Amino acid sequence: INQSKYILDILKRFGMENCDTVPTPMVKQPKLKLDLVGKPVDHTDYHSMIGSLMYVTSSRPDIMFATYMCARYQANPNEHHVSAVKRIFRYLKGTINLGLWYSKDSGTAYSDADHAGCHLDRKSTSGSV
């Protein structure tokens, strides 16, 4: 399962088709937080970016955590949050041909969660593959 065509489409839609690539979808120490003093950005564009990335997570679980971290700030996004989202796009450009492959004999699933990992409201984050 590969969404390289869709990834190319969203890179073009958000003006990132010529961006440089990065080796990881987020920085080593994620410090996204609610920033009330940062320069606010258009909510509609931010929502579109997050929605596009959430669609890609169906075949790219490697961006799931970074996408959901950014999705937490949809109510009040600023430039700091947009930079984090753009990093995910830059990562996707460099790994555009990755996808999922299921053999007919595979049927194993994994899940994990943290406990009160969000420093804002102490909510937990879960994930599964």
C-alpha atoms as a PDB file:
ATOM      1  CA  ILE A   1       0.000   0.000   0.000  1.00  0.00           C
ATOM      2  CA  ASN A   2       1.659   3.164  -1.200  1.00  0.00           C
ATOM      3  CA  GLN A   3       0.338   6.731  -1.377  1.00  0.00           C
ATOM      4  CA  SER A   4       3.206   8.361  -3.269  1.00  0.00           C
ATOM      5  CA  LYS A   5       0.883  10.042  -5.794  1.00  0.00           C
ATOM      6  CA  TYR A   6      -1.253  11.524  -3.022  1.00  0.00           C
ATOM      7  CA  ILE A   7       1.853  12.691  -1.153  1.00  0.00           C
ATOM      8  CA  LEU A   8       3.093  14.430  -4.310  1.00  0.00           C
ATOM      9  CA  ASP A   9      -0.324  16.084  -4.659  1.00  0.00           C
ATOM     10  CA  ILE A  10      -0.341  17.446  -1.110  1.00  0.00           C
ATOM     11  CA  LEU A  11       3.265  18.615  -1.350  1.00  0.00           C
ATOM     12  CA  LYS A  12       2.249  20.596  -4.426  1.00  0.00           C
ATOM     13  CA  ARG A  13      -0.974  21.881  -2.814  1.00  0.00           C
ATOM     14  CA  PHE A  14       0.933  23.288   0.154  1.00  0.00           C
ATOM     15  CA  GLY A  15       3.817  24.645  -1.937  1.00  0.00           C
ATOM     16  CA  MET A  16       6.405  22.162  -0.716  1.00  0.00           C
ATOM     17  CA  GLU A  17       7.190  20.205  -3.876  1.00  0.00           C
ATOM     18  CA  ASN A  18      10.717  21.698  -3.998  1.00  0.00           C
ATOM     19  CA  CYS A  19      11.489  21.507  -0.276  1.00  0.00           C
ATOM     20  CA  ASP A  20      14.597  19.933   1.220  1.00  0.00           C
ATOM     21  CA  THR A  21      14.179  16.572   2.907  1.00  0.00           C
ATOM     22  CA  VAL A  22      14.808  15.646   6.543  1.00  0.00           C
ATOM     23  CA  PRO A  23      15.638  12.212   8.018  1.00  0.00           C
ATOM     24  CA  THR A  24      12.920  12.191  10.715  1.00  0.00           C
ATOM     25  CA  PRO A  25       9.309  13.429  10.915  1.00  0.00           C
ATOM     26  CA  MET A  26       9.984  15.445  14.075  1.00  0.00           C
ATOM     27  CA  VAL A  27      12.884  16.795  16.051  1.00  0.00           C
ATOM     28  CA  LYS A  28      14.494  14.619  18.725  1.00  0.00           C
ATOM     29  CA  GLN A  29      12.906  16.435  21.667  1.00  0.00           C
ATOM     30  CA  PRO A  30       9.370  17.444  20.654  1.00  0.00           C
ATOM     31  CA  LYS A  31       8.566  20.669  22.447  1.00  0.00           C
ATOM     32  CA  LEU A  32       5.277  21.560  20.819  1.00  0.00           C
ATOM     33  CA  LYS A  33       3.169  23.513  23.225  1.00  0.00           C
ATOM     34  CA  LEU A  34       0.340  25.960  23.315  1.00  0.00           C
ATOM     35  CA  ASP A  35       1.980  29.258  22.398  1.00  0.00           C
ATOM     36  CA  LEU A  36      -0.287  32.246  22.986  1.00  0.00           C
ATOM     37  CA  VAL A  37       2.395  34.820  22.115  1.00  0.00           C
ATOM     38  CA  GLY A  38       3.497  33.316  18.779  1.00  0.00           C
ATOM     39  CA  LYS A  39       2.238  34.643  15.459  1.00  0.00           C
ATOM     40  CA  PRO A  40      -1.153  33.029  14.751  1.00  0.00           C
ATOM     41  CA  VAL A  41      -1.784  31.374  11.386  1.00  0.00           C
ATOM     42  CA  ASP A  42      -4.872  30.666   9.305  1.00  0.00           C
ATOM     43  CA  HIS A  43      -6.813  27.855  10.981  1.00  0.00           C
ATOM     44  CA  THR A  44      -8.215  26.622   7.667  1.00  0.00           C
ATOM     45  CA  ASP A  45      -4.799  25.984   6.126  1.00  0.00           C
ATOM     46  CA  TYR A  46      -3.557  24.283   9.286  1.00  0.00           C
ATOM     47  CA  HIS A  47      -6.653  22.051   9.415  1.00  0.00           C
ATOM     48  CA  SER A  48      -6.151  21.109   5.758  1.00  0.00           C
ATOM     49  CA  MET A  49      -2.521  20.200   6.378  1.00  0.00           C
ATOM     50  CA  ILE A  50      -3.386  18.060   9.403  1.00  0.00           C
ATOM     51  CA  GLY A  51      -6.293  16.376   7.602  1.00  0.00           C
ATOM     52  CA  SER A  52      -4.070  15.519   4.645  1.00  0.00           C
ATOM     53  CA  LEU A  53      -1.439  14.037   6.941  1.00  0.00           C
ATOM     54  CA  MET A  54      -4.042  12.038   8.867  1.00  0.00           C
ATOM     55  CA  TYR A  55      -5.154  10.469   5.592  1.00  0.00           C
ATOM     56  CA  VAL A  56      -1.545   9.516   4.800  1.00  0.00           C
ATOM     57  CA  THR A  57      -1.157   7.798   8.200  1.00  0.00           C
ATOM     58  CA  SER A  58      -3.343   4.946   6.932  1.00  0.00           C
ATOM     59  CA  SER A  59      -0.358   3.711   4.923  1.00  0.00           C
ATOM     60  CA  ARG A  60       2.461   5.501   6.758  1.00  0.00           C
ATOM     61  CA  PRO A  61       2.399   4.696  10.480  1.00  0.00           C
ATOM     62  CA  ASP A  62       5.868   6.260  10.766  1.00  0.00           C
ATOM     63  CA  ILE A  63       4.287   9.747  10.720  1.00  0.00           C
ATOM     64  CA  MET A  64       1.375   8.941  13.016  1.00  0.00           C
ATOM     65  CA  PHE A  65       2.879  10.171  16.286  1.00  0.00           C
ATOM     66  CA  ALA A  66       4.222  13.413  14.802  1.00  0.00           C
ATOM     67  CA  THR A  67       0.916  14.107  13.033  1.00  0.00           C
ATOM     68  CA  TYR A  68      -1.153  13.577  16.159  1.00  0.00           C
ATOM     69  CA  MET A  69       1.189  15.747  18.201  1.00  0.00           C
ATOM     70  CA  CYS A  70       0.606  18.570  15.710  1.00  0.00           C
ATOM     71  CA  ALA A  71      -3.144  17.872  15.573  1.00  0.00           C
ATOM     72  CA  ARG A  72      -3.464  18.756  19.257  1.00  0.00           C
ATOM     73  CA  TYR A  73      -2.996  22.442  18.412  1.00  0.00           C
ATOM     74  CA  GLN A  74      -5.672  22.876  15.747  1.00  0.00           C
ATOM     75  CA  ALA A  75      -7.730  25.226  17.901  1.00  0.00           C
ATOM     76  CA  ASN A  76      -4.962  27.814  18.187  1.00  0.00           C
ATOM     77  CA  PRO A  77      -2.095  27.121  15.750  1.00  0.00           C
ATOM     78  CA  ASN A  78       0.824  29.480  15.230  1.00  0.00           C
ATOM     79  CA  GLU A  79       3.994  29.551  13.128  1.00  0.00           C
ATOM     80  CA  HIS A  80       5.766  27.149  15.502  1.00  0.00           C
ATOM     81  CA  HIS A  81       3.103  24.506  14.882  1.00  0.00           C
ATOM     82  CA  VAL A  82       3.149  25.063  11.107  1.00  0.00           C
ATOM     83  CA  SER A  83       6.928  24.543  11.129  1.00  0.00           C
ATOM     84  CA  ALA A  84       6.424  21.174  12.824  1.00  0.00           C
ATOM     85  CA  VAL A  85       3.811  20.175  10.221  1.00  0.00           C
ATOM     86  CA  LYS A  86       6.079  21.267   7.379  1.00  0.00           C
ATOM     87  CA  ARG A  87       8.836  19.082   8.787  1.00  0.00           C
ATOM     88  CA  ILE A  88       6.521  16.086   8.387  1.00  0.00           C
ATOM     89  CA  PHE A  89       5.953  17.080   4.747  1.00  0.00           C
ATOM     90  CA  ARG A  90       9.718  17.370   4.247  1.00  0.00           C
ATOM     91  CA  TYR A  91      10.165  13.898   5.732  1.00  0.00           C
ATOM     92  CA  LEU A  92       7.468  12.503   3.437  1.00  0.00           C
ATOM     93  CA  LYS A  93       9.188  13.963   0.397  1.00  0.00           C
ATOM     94  CA  GLY A  94      12.382  12.112   1.265  1.00  0.00           C
ATOM     95  CA  THR A  95      10.590   8.837   1.987  1.00  0.00           C
ATOM     96  CA  ILE A  96       7.852   9.090  -0.625  1.00  0.00           C
ATOM     97  CA  ASN A  97       8.108   5.481  -1.796  1.00  0.00           C
ATOM     98  CA  LEU A  98       7.648   3.906   1.622  1.00  0.00           C
ATOM     99  CA  GLY A  99       4.400   2.106   2.288  1.00  0.00           C
ATOM    100  CA  LEU A 100       2.937  -1.014   3.826  1.00  0.00           C
ATOM    101  CA  TRP A 101       3.220  -4.552   2.591  1.00  0.00           C
ATOM    102  CA  TYR A 102       1.086  -7.341   4.001  1.00  0.00           C
ATOM    103  CA  SER A 103       1.817 -10.962   3.259  1.00  0.00           C
ATOM    104  CA  LYS A 104      -1.111 -13.333   3.201  1.00  0.00           C
ATOM    105  CA  ASP A 105       0.234 -15.141   6.260  1.00  0.00           C
ATOM    106  CA  SER A 106       0.769 -12.112   8.490  1.00  0.00           C
ATOM    107  CA  GLY A 107      -1.748 -11.290  11.152  1.00  0.00           C
ATOM    108  CA  THR A 108       0.153  -9.763  14.057  1.00  0.00           C
ATOM    109  CA  ALA A 109      -0.824  -6.468  15.666  1.00  0.00           C
ATOM    110  CA  TYR A 110       0.930  -4.292  18.237  1.00  0.00           C
ATOM    111  CA  SER A 111      -0.243  -1.395  20.362  1.00  0.00           C
ATOM    112  CA  ASP A 112       1.293   0.929  22.915  1.00  0.00           C
ATOM    113  CA  ALA A 113       0.343   3.948  25.013  1.00  0.00           C
ATOM    114  CA  ASP A 114       1.928   6.448  27.315  1.00  0.00           C
ATOM    115  CA  HIS A 115       0.412   7.573  30.587  1.00  0.00           C
ATOM    116  CA  ALA A 116      -0.536  11.245  30.805  1.00  0.00           C
ATOM    117  CA  GLY A 117       2.123  12.139  28.233  1.00  0.00           C
ATOM    118  CA  CYS A 118       0.650  15.471  27.141  1.00  0.00           C
ATOM    119  CA  HIS A 119       2.206  18.132  29.328  1.00  0.00           C
ATOM    120  CA  LEU A 120      -0.764  20.480  28.755  1.00  0.00           C
ATOM    121  CA  ASP A 121      -3.700  18.401  29.946  1.00  0.00           C
ATOM    122  CA  ARG A 122      -2.052  15.110  31.014  1.00  0.00           C
ATOM    123  CA  LYS A 123      -3.970  13.118  28.389  1.00  0.00           C
ATOM    124  CA  SER A 124      -2.474   9.875  27.142  1.00  0.00           C
ATOM    125  CA  THR A 125      -1.453   9.009  23.593  1.00  0.00           C
ATOM    126  CA  SER A 126      -1.975   5.568  22.116  1.00  0.00           C
ATOM    127  CA  GLY A 127      -0.937   3.973  18.864  1.00  0.00           C
ATOM    128  CA  SER A 128      -1.181   0.691  17.045  1.00  0.00           C
ATOM    129  CA  VAL A 129       0.338  -1.095  14.088  1.00  0.00           C
END
